[in-house]
Amino acid sequence: MQMLYDSDSFVVLHLKPDLGLPTEITLADGETPAPALPRHGFEIVDKRSGKEVYLDGSWAEMFQQIIQEWQRESPSEEEVEDTLERYAQLAQNPVVIH
């Protein structure tokens, strides 16, 4: 887990796959092995509402592109917060322990 952003309003964490996960899985037929795909995701915590949203799959890939764009263009804090606000609207899970 890596913290990418922390402000008064938001925290963004990049959750990377555990290297101890199996490299193969067994398919439903019980015999055919298939490669296990490592998954990563991003957790966006809205400190104001106490809720979080977890992005994985194609959502994580789209958010990764935004982060890469931020690294190239160095946006203002306001621009970053505006983007995170749009994602935070998806947040429904209350943060219990963080």
PDB file of N, CA and C in Angstrom:
ATOM      1  N   MET A   1       0.853  -1.158   0.000  1.00  0.00           N
ATOM      2  CA  MET A   1       0.000   0.000   0.000  1.00  0.00           C
ATOM      3  C   MET A   1       0.906   1.229   0.000  1.00  0.00           C
ATOM      4  N   GLN A   2       0.543   2.201  -0.828  1.00  0.00           N
ATOM      5  CA  GLN A   2       1.326   3.420  -0.931  1.00  0.00           C
ATOM      6  C   GLN A   2       0.382   4.623  -0.915  1.00  0.00           C
ATOM      7  N   MET A   3       0.659   5.574  -0.029  1.00  0.00           N
ATOM      8  CA  MET A   3      -0.147   6.790   0.012  1.00  0.00           C
ATOM      9  C   MET A   3       0.332   7.717  -1.102  1.00  0.00           C
ATOM     10  N   LEU A   4      -0.599   8.114  -1.957  1.00  0.00           N
ATOM     11  CA  LEU A   4      -0.270   8.982  -3.073  1.00  0.00           C
ATOM     12  C   LEU A   4      -0.622  10.434  -2.812  1.00  0.00           C
ATOM     13  N   TYR A   5      -1.635  10.659  -1.965  1.00  0.00           N
ATOM     14  CA  TYR A   5      -2.117  12.021  -1.753  1.00  0.00           C
ATOM     15  C   TYR A   5      -2.777  12.083  -0.390  1.00  0.00           C
ATOM     16  N   ASP A   6      -2.537  13.183   0.311  1.00  0.00           N
ATOM     17  CA  ASP A   6      -3.151  13.387   1.622  1.00  0.00           C
ATOM     18  C   ASP A   6      -3.367  14.880   1.804  1.00  0.00           C
ATOM     19  N   SER A   7      -4.618  15.269   1.987  1.00  0.00           N
ATOM     20  CA  SER A   7      -4.959  16.673   2.221  1.00  0.00           C
ATOM     21  C   SER A   7      -5.977  16.727   3.361  1.00  0.00           C
ATOM     22  N   ASP A   8      -6.481  17.898   3.633  1.00  0.00           N
ATOM     23  CA  ASP A   8      -7.507  18.040   4.662  1.00  0.00           C
ATOM     24  C   ASP A   8      -8.811  17.339   4.259  1.00  0.00           C
ATOM     25  N   SER A   9      -9.008  17.156   2.944  1.00  0.00           N
ATOM     26  CA  SER A   9     -10.266  16.596   2.453  1.00  0.00           C
ATOM     27  C   SER A   9     -10.178  15.152   1.980  1.00  0.00           C
ATOM     28  N   PHE A  10      -9.025  14.741   1.431  1.00  0.00           N
ATOM     29  CA  PHE A  10      -8.928  13.424   0.789  1.00  0.00           C
ATOM     30  C   PHE A  10      -7.626  12.714   1.130  1.00  0.00           C
ATOM     31  N   VAL A  11      -7.702  11.387   1.030  1.00  0.00           N
ATOM     32  CA  VAL A  11      -6.525  10.523   1.039  1.00  0.00           C
ATOM     33  C   VAL A  11      -6.689   9.587  -0.153  1.00  0.00           C
ATOM     34  N   VAL A  12      -5.596   9.390  -0.897  1.00  0.00           N
ATOM     35  CA  VAL A  12      -5.597   8.446  -2.008  1.00  0.00           C
ATOM     36  C   VAL A  12      -4.498   7.429  -1.745  1.00  0.00           C
ATOM     37  N   LEU A  13      -4.904   6.157  -1.754  1.00  0.00           N
ATOM     38  CA  LEU A  13      -3.971   5.053  -1.530  1.00  0.00           C
ATOM     39  C   LEU A  13      -3.924   4.173  -2.768  1.00  0.00           C
ATOM     40  N   HIS A  14      -2.716   3.727  -3.120  1.00  0.00           N
ATOM     41  CA  HIS A  14      -2.557   2.756  -4.195  1.00  0.00           C
ATOM     42  C   HIS A  14      -2.319   1.416  -3.525  1.00  0.00           C
ATOM     43  N   LEU A  15      -3.216   0.486  -3.731  1.00  0.00           N
ATOM     44  CA  LEU A  15      -3.122  -0.840  -3.131  1.00  0.00           C
ATOM     45  C   LEU A  15      -2.601  -1.793  -4.188  1.00  0.00           C
ATOM     46  N   LYS A  16      -1.423  -2.331  -3.943  1.00  0.00           N
ATOM     47  CA  LYS A  16      -0.772  -3.223  -4.894  1.00  0.00           C
ATOM     48  C   LYS A  16      -0.997  -4.671  -4.473  1.00  0.00           C
ATOM     49  N   PRO A  17      -0.940  -5.593  -5.455  1.00  0.00           N
ATOM     50  CA  PRO A  17      -1.170  -7.001  -5.117  1.00  0.00           C
ATOM     51  C   PRO A  17      -0.090  -7.526  -4.189  1.00  0.00           C
ATOM     52  N   ASP A  18      -0.498  -8.431  -3.330  1.00  0.00           N
ATOM     53  CA  ASP A  18       0.438  -9.087  -2.422  1.00  0.00           C
ATOM     54  C   ASP A  18       1.304 -10.044  -3.233  1.00  0.00           C
ATOM     55  N   LEU A  19       2.605  -9.926  -3.088  1.00  0.00           N
ATOM     56  CA  LEU A  19       3.500 -10.780  -3.849  1.00  0.00           C
ATOM     57  C   LEU A  19       3.397 -12.242  -3.435  1.00  0.00           C
ATOM     58  N   GLY A  20       2.755 -12.531  -2.314  1.00  0.00           N
ATOM     59  CA  GLY A  20       2.599 -13.897  -1.858  1.00  0.00           C
ATOM     60  C   GLY A  20       1.406 -14.614  -2.469  1.00  0.00           C
ATOM     61  N   LEU A  21       0.658 -13.972  -3.343  1.00  0.00           N
ATOM     62  CA  LEU A  21      -0.503 -14.606  -3.962  1.00  0.00           C
ATOM     63  C   LEU A  21      -0.069 -15.689  -4.940  1.00  0.00           C
ATOM     64  N   PRO A  22      -0.925 -16.685  -5.172  1.00  0.00           N
ATOM     65  CA  PRO A  22      -0.563 -17.741  -6.125  1.00  0.00           C
ATOM     66  C   PRO A  22      -0.427 -17.176  -7.537  1.00  0.00           C
ATOM     67  N   THR A  23       0.454 -17.798  -8.322  1.00  0.00           N
ATOM     68  CA  THR A  23       0.647 -17.358  -9.705  1.00  0.00           C
ATOM     69  C   THR A  23      -0.289 -18.075 -10.658  1.00  0.00           C
ATOM     70  N   GLU A  24      -0.940 -19.141 -10.185  1.00  0.00           N
ATOM     71  CA  GLU A  24      -1.909 -19.872 -10.996  1.00  0.00           C
ATOM     72  C   GLU A  24      -3.177 -20.129 -10.184  1.00  0.00           C
ATOM     73  N   ILE A  25      -4.288 -20.203 -10.884  1.00  0.00           N
ATOM     74  CA  ILE A  25      -5.551 -20.591 -10.268  1.00  0.00           C
ATOM     75  C   ILE A  25      -6.087 -21.795 -11.032  1.00  0.00           C
ATOM     76  N   THR A  26      -7.000 -22.535 -10.420  1.00  0.00           N
ATOM     77  CA  THR A  26      -7.623 -23.676 -11.081  1.00  0.00           C
ATOM     78  C   THR A  26      -9.008 -23.262 -11.540  1.00  0.00           C
ATOM     79  N   LEU A  27      -9.295 -23.510 -12.795  1.00  0.00           N
ATOM     80  CA  LEU A  27     -10.587 -23.135 -13.363  1.00  0.00           C
ATOM     81  C   LEU A  27     -11.698 -24.031 -12.831  1.00  0.00           C
ATOM     82  N   ALA A  28     -12.933 -23.722 -13.190  1.00  0.00           N
ATOM     83  CA  ALA A  28     -14.116 -24.399 -12.660  1.00  0.00           C
ATOM     84  C   ALA A  28     -14.107 -25.905 -12.925  1.00  0.00           C
ATOM     85  N   ASP A  29     -13.436 -26.349 -13.991  1.00  0.00           N
ATOM     86  CA  ASP A  29     -13.424 -27.790 -14.267  1.00  0.00           C
ATOM     87  C   ASP A  29     -12.564 -28.556 -13.260  1.00  0.00           C
ATOM     88  N   GLY A  30     -11.830 -27.830 -12.412  1.00  0.00           N
ATOM     89  CA  GLY A  30     -11.054 -28.439 -11.356  1.00  0.00           C
ATOM     90  C   GLY A  30      -9.697 -28.966 -11.794  1.00  0.00           C
ATOM     91  N   GLU A  31      -9.408 -28.877 -13.081  1.00  0.00           N
ATOM     92  CA  GLU A  31      -8.151 -29.435 -13.573  1.00  0.00           C
ATOM     93  C   GLU A  31      -7.291 -28.431 -14.343  1.00  0.00           C
ATOM     94  N   THR A  32      -7.915 -27.520 -15.042  1.00  0.00           N
ATOM     95  CA  THR A  32      -7.180 -26.629 -15.926  1.00  0.00           C
ATOM     96  C   THR A  32      -6.585 -25.451 -15.153  1.00  0.00           C
ATOM     97  N   PRO A  33      -5.242 -25.357 -15.144  1.00  0.00           N
ATOM     98  CA  PRO A  33      -4.637 -24.194 -14.497  1.00  0.00           C
ATOM     99  C   PRO A  33      -4.692 -22.970 -15.415  1.00  0.00           C
ATOM    100  N   ALA A  34      -4.800 -21.820 -14.816  1.00  0.00           N
ATOM    101  CA  ALA A  34      -4.795 -20.555 -15.556  1.00  0.00           C
ATOM    102  C   ALA A  34      -3.958 -19.559 -14.764  1.00  0.00           C
ATOM    103  N   PRO A  35      -3.312 -18.637 -15.446  1.00  0.00           N
ATOM    104  CA  PRO A  35      -2.506 -17.656 -14.701  1.00  0.00           C
ATOM    105  C   PRO A  35      -3.399 -16.749 -13.855  1.00  0.00           C
ATOM    106  N   ALA A  36      -2.964 -16.482 -12.648  1.00  0.00           N
ATOM    107  CA  ALA A  36      -3.692 -15.553 -11.784  1.00  0.00           C
ATOM    108  C   ALA A  36      -3.252 -14.133 -12.141  1.00  0.00           C
ATOM    109  N   LEU A  37      -4.184 -13.262 -12.336  1.00  0.00           N
ATOM    110  CA  LEU A  37      -3.871 -11.887 -12.699  1.00  0.00           C
ATOM    111  C   LEU A  37      -3.736 -11.041 -11.440  1.00  0.00           C
ATOM    112  N   PRO A  38      -2.580 -10.431 -11.251  1.00  0.00           N
ATOM    113  CA  PRO A  38      -2.447  -9.547 -10.085  1.00  0.00           C
ATOM    114  C   PRO A  38      -3.346  -8.326 -10.264  1.00  0.00           C
ATOM    115  N   ARG A  39      -4.060  -7.979  -9.228  1.00  0.00           N
ATOM    116  CA  ARG A  39      -4.965  -6.833  -9.285  1.00  0.00           C
ATOM    117  C   ARG A  39      -4.424  -5.727  -8.402  1.00  0.00           C
ATOM    118  N   HIS A  40      -4.577  -4.543  -8.847  1.00  0.00           N
ATOM    119  CA  HIS A  40      -4.240  -3.401  -8.019  1.00  0.00           C
ATOM    120  C   HIS A  40      -5.432  -2.473  -8.044  1.00  0.00           C
ATOM    121  N   GLY A  41      -5.454  -1.555  -7.130  1.00  0.00           N
ATOM    122  CA  GLY A  41      -6.567  -0.623  -7.089  1.00  0.00           C
ATOM    123  C   GLY A  41      -6.195   0.621  -6.320  1.00  0.00           C
ATOM    124  N   PHE A  42      -7.137   1.531  -6.295  1.00  0.00           N
ATOM    125  CA  PHE A  42      -6.964   2.798  -5.606  1.00  0.00           C
ATOM    126  C   PHE A  42      -8.123   3.003  -4.644  1.00  0.00           C
ATOM    127  N   GLU A  43      -7.797   3.432  -3.446  1.00  0.00           N
ATOM    128  CA  GLU A  43      -8.816   3.771  -2.465  1.00  0.00           C
ATOM    129  C   GLU A  43      -8.793   5.282  -2.296  1.00  0.00           C
ATOM    130  N   ILE A  44      -9.951   5.892  -2.475  1.00  0.00           N
ATOM    131  CA  ILE A  44     -10.100   7.332  -2.281  1.00  0.00           C
ATOM    132  C   ILE A  44     -10.985   7.523  -1.065  1.00  0.00           C
ATOM    133  N   VAL A  45     -10.442   8.165  -0.046  1.00  0.00           N
ATOM    134  CA  VAL A  45     -11.171   8.415   1.195  1.00  0.00           C
ATOM    135  C   VAL A  45     -11.544   9.882   1.238  1.00  0.00           C
ATOM    136  N   ASP A  46     -12.831  10.147   1.396  1.00  0.00           N
ATOM    137  CA  ASP A  46     -13.334  11.503   1.583  1.00  0.00           C
ATOM    138  C   ASP A  46     -13.410  11.747   3.087  1.00  0.00           C
ATOM    139  N   LYS A  47     -12.469  12.506   3.600  1.00  0.00           N
ATOM    140  CA  LYS A  47     -12.402  12.748   5.045  1.00  0.00           C
ATOM    141  C   LYS A  47     -13.609  13.527   5.544  1.00  0.00           C
ATOM    142  N   ARG A  48     -14.196  14.349   4.686  1.00  0.00           N
ATOM    143  CA  ARG A  48     -15.330  15.187   5.099  1.00  0.00           C
ATOM    144  C   ARG A  48     -16.569  14.362   5.377  1.00  0.00           C
ATOM    145  N   SER A  49     -16.815  13.345   4.535  1.00  0.00           N
ATOM    146  CA  SER A  49     -18.014  12.525   4.703  1.00  0.00           C
ATOM    147  C   SER A  49     -17.738  11.243   5.481  1.00  0.00           C
ATOM    148  N   GLY A  50     -16.452  10.901   5.627  1.00  0.00           N
ATOM    149  CA  GLY A  50     -16.111   9.648   6.304  1.00  0.00           C
ATOM    150  C   GLY A  50     -16.411   8.425   5.460  1.00  0.00           C
ATOM    151  N   LYS A  51     -16.405   8.590   4.124  1.00  0.00           N
ATOM    152  CA  LYS A  51     -16.698   7.476   3.222  1.00  0.00           C
ATOM    153  C   LYS A  51     -15.527   7.269   2.266  1.00  0.00           C
ATOM    154  N   GLU A  52     -15.496   6.047   1.696  1.00  0.00           N
ATOM    155  CA  GLU A  52     -14.432   5.722   0.754  1.00  0.00           C
ATOM    156  C   GLU A  52     -14.983   4.986  -0.444  1.00  0.00           C
ATOM    157  N   VAL A  53     -14.220   5.056  -1.530  1.00  0.00           N
ATOM    158  CA  VAL A  53     -14.546   4.299  -2.733  1.00  0.00           C
ATOM    159  C   VAL A  53     -13.272   3.574  -3.160  1.00  0.00           C
ATOM    160  N   TYR A  54     -13.434   2.317  -3.582  1.00  0.00           N
ATOM    161  CA  TYR A  54     -12.303   1.522  -4.055  1.00  0.00           C
ATOM    162  C   TYR A  54     -12.447   1.340  -5.557  1.00  0.00           C
ATOM    163  N   LEU A  55     -11.410   1.711  -6.290  1.00  0.00           N
ATOM    164  CA  LEU A  55     -11.406   1.589  -7.746  1.00  0.00           C
ATOM    165  C   LEU A  55     -10.495   0.434  -8.135  1.00  0.00           C
ATOM    166  N   ASP A  56     -11.029  -0.525  -8.895  1.00  0.00           N
ATOM    167  CA  ASP A  56     -10.180  -1.574  -9.439  1.00  0.00           C
ATOM    168  C   ASP A  56     -10.606  -1.843 -10.874  1.00  0.00           C
ATOM    169  N   GLY A  57      -9.911  -2.738 -11.532  1.00  0.00           N
ATOM    170  CA  GLY A  57     -10.240  -3.056 -12.914  1.00  0.00           C
ATOM    171  C   GLY A  57     -10.092  -1.854 -13.828  1.00  0.00           C
ATOM    172  N   SER A  58     -11.053  -1.663 -14.709  1.00  0.00           N
ATOM    173  CA  SER A  58     -10.970  -0.555 -15.673  1.00  0.00           C
ATOM    174  C   SER A  58     -11.045   0.807 -14.976  1.00  0.00           C
ATOM    175  N   TRP A  59     -11.747   0.880 -13.842  1.00  0.00           N
ATOM    176  CA  TRP A  59     -11.780   2.140 -13.086  1.00  0.00           C
ATOM    177  C   TRP A  59     -10.377   2.495 -12.598  1.00  0.00           C
ATOM    178  N   ALA A  60      -9.647   1.497 -12.109  1.00  0.00           N
ATOM    179  CA  ALA A  60      -8.280   1.736 -11.634  1.00  0.00           C
ATOM    180  C   ALA A  60      -7.376   2.141 -12.787  1.00  0.00           C
ATOM    181  N   GLU A  61      -7.554   1.533 -13.935  1.00  0.00           N
ATOM    182  CA  GLU A  61      -6.736   1.879 -15.093  1.00  0.00           C
ATOM    183  C   GLU A  61      -6.986   3.319 -15.525  1.00  0.00           C
ATOM    184  N   MET A  62      -8.252   3.739 -15.523  1.00  0.00           N
ATOM    185  CA  MET A  62      -8.562   5.128 -15.884  1.00  0.00           C
ATOM    186  C   MET A  62      -7.966   6.099 -14.862  1.00  0.00           C
ATOM    187  N   PHE A  63      -8.063   5.756 -13.579  1.00  0.00           N
ATOM    188  CA  PHE A  63      -7.519   6.624 -12.536  1.00  0.00           C
ATOM    189  C   PHE A  63      -5.994   6.665 -12.627  1.00  0.00           C
ATOM    190  N   GLN A  64      -5.360   5.546 -12.980  1.00  0.00           N
ATOM    191  CA  GLN A  64      -3.900   5.502 -13.174  1.00  0.00           C
ATOM    192  C   GLN A  64      -3.489   6.490 -14.265  1.00  0.00           C
ATOM    193  N   GLN A  65      -4.270   6.583 -15.323  1.00  0.00           N
ATOM    194  CA  GLN A  65      -3.979   7.530 -16.402  1.00  0.00           C
ATOM    195  C   GLN A  65      -4.059   8.972 -15.901  1.00  0.00           C
ATOM    196  N   ILE A  66      -5.019   9.248 -15.044  1.00  0.00           N
ATOM    197  CA  ILE A  66      -5.136  10.594 -14.464  1.00  0.00           C
ATOM    198  C   ILE A  66      -3.912  10.906 -13.618  1.00  0.00           C
ATOM    199  N   ILE A  67      -3.470   9.946 -12.830  1.00  0.00           N
ATOM    200  CA  ILE A  67      -2.292  10.149 -11.985  1.00  0.00           C
ATOM    201  C   ILE A  67      -1.058  10.401 -12.846  1.00  0.00           C
ATOM    202  N   GLN A  68      -0.906   9.656 -13.917  1.00  0.00           N
ATOM    203  CA  GLN A  68       0.228   9.864 -14.814  1.00  0.00           C
ATOM    204  C   GLN A  68       0.180  11.250 -15.450  1.00  0.00           C
ATOM    205  N   GLU A  69      -1.019  11.701 -15.789  1.00  0.00           N
ATOM    206  CA  GLU A  69      -1.177  13.048 -16.333  1.00  0.00           C
ATOM    207  C   GLU A  69      -0.793  14.092 -15.286  1.00  0.00           C
ATOM    208  N   TRP A  70      -1.183  13.873 -14.032  1.00  0.00           N
ATOM    209  CA  TRP A  70      -0.808  14.791 -12.956  1.00  0.00           C
ATOM    210  C   TRP A  70       0.703  14.867 -12.817  1.00  0.00           C
ATOM    211  N   GLN A  71       1.386  13.730 -12.972  1.00  0.00           N
ATOM    212  CA  GLN A  71       2.841  13.721 -12.845  1.00  0.00           C
ATOM    213  C   GLN A  71       3.503  14.521 -13.962  1.00  0.00           C
ATOM    214  N   ARG A  72       2.921  14.504 -15.143  1.00  0.00           N
ATOM    215  CA  ARG A  72       3.476  15.259 -16.268  1.00  0.00           C
ATOM    216  C   ARG A  72       3.173  16.745 -16.172  1.00  0.00           C
ATOM    217  N   GLU A  73       1.970  17.109 -15.706  1.00  0.00           N
ATOM    218  CA  GLU A  73       1.496  18.483 -15.789  1.00  0.00           C
ATOM    219  C   GLU A  73       1.498  19.245 -14.475  1.00  0.00           C
ATOM    220  N   SER A  74       1.723  18.589 -13.357  1.00  0.00           N
ATOM    221  CA  SER A  74       1.741  19.239 -12.033  1.00  0.00           C
ATOM    222  C   SER A  74       0.536  20.168 -11.821  1.00  0.00           C
ATOM    223  N   PRO A  75      -0.654  19.580 -11.669  1.00  0.00           N
ATOM    224  CA  PRO A  75      -1.853  20.403 -11.486  1.00  0.00           C
ATOM    225  C   PRO A  75      -1.840  21.100 -10.118  1.00  0.00           C
ATOM    226  N   SER A  76      -2.689  22.110  -9.996  1.00  0.00           N
ATOM    227  CA  SER A  76      -2.833  22.789  -8.713  1.00  0.00           C
ATOM    228  C   SER A  76      -3.581  21.873  -7.745  1.00  0.00           C
ATOM    229  N   GLU A  77      -3.478  22.182  -6.479  1.00  0.00           N
ATOM    230  CA  GLU A  77      -4.206  21.400  -5.479  1.00  0.00           C
ATOM    231  C   GLU A  77      -5.705  21.466  -5.742  1.00  0.00           C
ATOM    232  N   GLU A  78      -6.184  22.600  -6.178  1.00  0.00           N
ATOM    233  CA  GLU A  78      -7.616  22.752  -6.472  1.00  0.00           C
ATOM    234  C   GLU A  78      -8.052  21.824  -7.607  1.00  0.00           C
ATOM    235  N   GLU A  79      -7.230  21.677  -8.645  1.00  0.00           N
ATOM    236  CA  GLU A  79      -7.565  20.788  -9.751  1.00  0.00           C
ATOM    237  C   GLU A  79      -7.594  19.326  -9.288  1.00  0.00           C
ATOM    238  N   VAL A  80      -6.636  18.951  -8.451  1.00  0.00           N
ATOM    239  CA  VAL A  80      -6.610  17.592  -7.910  1.00  0.00           C
ATOM    240  C   VAL A  80      -7.850  17.344  -7.062  1.00  0.00           C
ATOM    241  N   GLU A  81      -8.163  18.292  -6.187  1.00  0.00           N
ATOM    242  CA  GLU A  81      -9.328  18.149  -5.303  1.00  0.00           C
ATOM    243  C   GLU A  81     -10.630  18.067  -6.099  1.00  0.00           C
ATOM    244  N   ASP A  82     -10.739  18.827  -7.178  1.00  0.00           N
ATOM    245  CA  ASP A  82     -11.942  18.775  -8.020  1.00  0.00           C
ATOM    246  C   ASP A  82     -12.114  17.385  -8.645  1.00  0.00           C
ATOM    247  N   THR A  83     -11.016  16.813  -9.110  1.00  0.00           N
ATOM    248  CA  THR A  83     -11.074  15.470  -9.692  1.00  0.00           C
ATOM    249  C   THR A  83     -11.462  14.440  -8.632  1.00  0.00           C
ATOM    250  N   LEU A  84     -10.839  14.535  -7.467  1.00  0.00           N
ATOM    251  CA  LEU A  84     -11.149  13.588  -6.391  1.00  0.00           C
ATOM    252  C   LEU A  84     -12.592  13.745  -5.909  1.00  0.00           C
ATOM    253  N   GLU A  85     -13.104  14.956  -5.939  1.00  0.00           N
ATOM    254  CA  GLU A  85     -14.499  15.212  -5.551  1.00  0.00           C
ATOM    255  C   GLU A  85     -15.453  14.439  -6.453  1.00  0.00           C
ATOM    256  N   ARG A  86     -15.149  14.392  -7.751  1.00  0.00           N
ATOM    257  CA  ARG A  86     -16.016  13.650  -8.688  1.00  0.00           C
ATOM    258  C   ARG A  86     -16.019  12.157  -8.351  1.00  0.00           C
ATOM    259  N   TYR A  87     -14.854  11.603  -8.033  1.00  0.00           N
ATOM    260  CA  TYR A  87     -14.799  10.195  -7.641  1.00  0.00           C
ATOM    261  C   TYR A  87     -15.463   9.981  -6.282  1.00  0.00           C
ATOM    262  N   ALA A  88     -15.303  10.928  -5.380  1.00  0.00           N
ATOM    263  CA  ALA A  88     -15.867  10.795  -4.032  1.00  0.00           C
ATOM    264  C   ALA A  88     -17.395  10.731  -4.064  1.00  0.00           C
ATOM    265  N   GLN A  89     -18.003  11.239  -5.109  1.00  0.00           N
ATOM    266  CA  GLN A  89     -19.462  11.148  -5.232  1.00  0.00           C
ATOM    267  C   GLN A  89     -19.911   9.694  -5.343  1.00  0.00           C
ATOM    268  N   LEU A  90     -19.001   8.805  -5.742  1.00  0.00           N
ATOM    269  CA  LEU A  90     -19.316   7.376  -5.830  1.00  0.00           C
ATOM    270  C   LEU A  90     -19.195   6.680  -4.474  1.00  0.00           C
ATOM    271  N   ALA A  91     -18.567   7.340  -3.515  1.00  0.00           N
ATOM    272  CA  ALA A  91     -18.275   6.726  -2.210  1.00  0.00           C
ATOM    273  C   ALA A  91     -19.556   6.427  -1.454  1.00  0.00           C
ATOM    274  N   GLN A  92     -19.682   5.157  -1.033  1.00  0.00           N
ATOM    275  CA  GLN A  92     -20.831   4.740  -0.240  1.00  0.00           C
ATOM    276  C   GLN A  92     -20.408   3.994   1.011  1.00  0.00           C
ATOM    277  N   ASN A  93     -19.173   3.506   1.010  1.00  0.00           N
ATOM    278  CA  ASN A  93     -18.691   2.700   2.138  1.00  0.00           C
ATOM    279  C   ASN A  93     -18.165   3.590   3.246  1.00  0.00           C
ATOM    280  N   PRO A  94     -18.718   3.482   4.430  1.00  0.00           N
ATOM    281  CA  PRO A  94     -18.182   4.266   5.547  1.00  0.00           C
ATOM    282  C   PRO A  94     -16.801   3.757   5.944  1.00  0.00           C
ATOM    283  N   VAL A  95     -15.944   4.675   6.308  1.00  0.00           N
ATOM    284  CA  VAL A  95     -14.622   4.300   6.792  1.00  0.00           C
ATOM    285  C   VAL A  95     -14.745   3.926   8.246  1.00  0.00           C
ATOM    286  N   VAL A  96     -14.464   2.670   8.561  1.00  0.00           N
ATOM    287  CA  VAL A  96     -14.586   2.194   9.937  1.00  0.00           C
ATOM    288  C   VAL A  96     -13.259   2.332  10.643  1.00  0.00           C
ATOM    289  N   ILE A  97     -12.210   1.764  10.065  1.00  0.00           N
ATOM    290  CA  ILE A  97     -10.872   1.859  10.640  1.00  0.00           C
ATOM    291  C   ILE A  97      -9.915   2.204   9.517  1.00  0.00           C
ATOM    292  N   HIS A  98      -9.135   3.237   9.731  1.00  0.00           N
ATOM    293  CA  HIS A  98      -8.147   3.614   8.721  1.00  0.00           C
ATOM    294  C   HIS A  98      -6.935   4.131   9.380  1.00  0.00           C
TER     295      HIS A  98
END
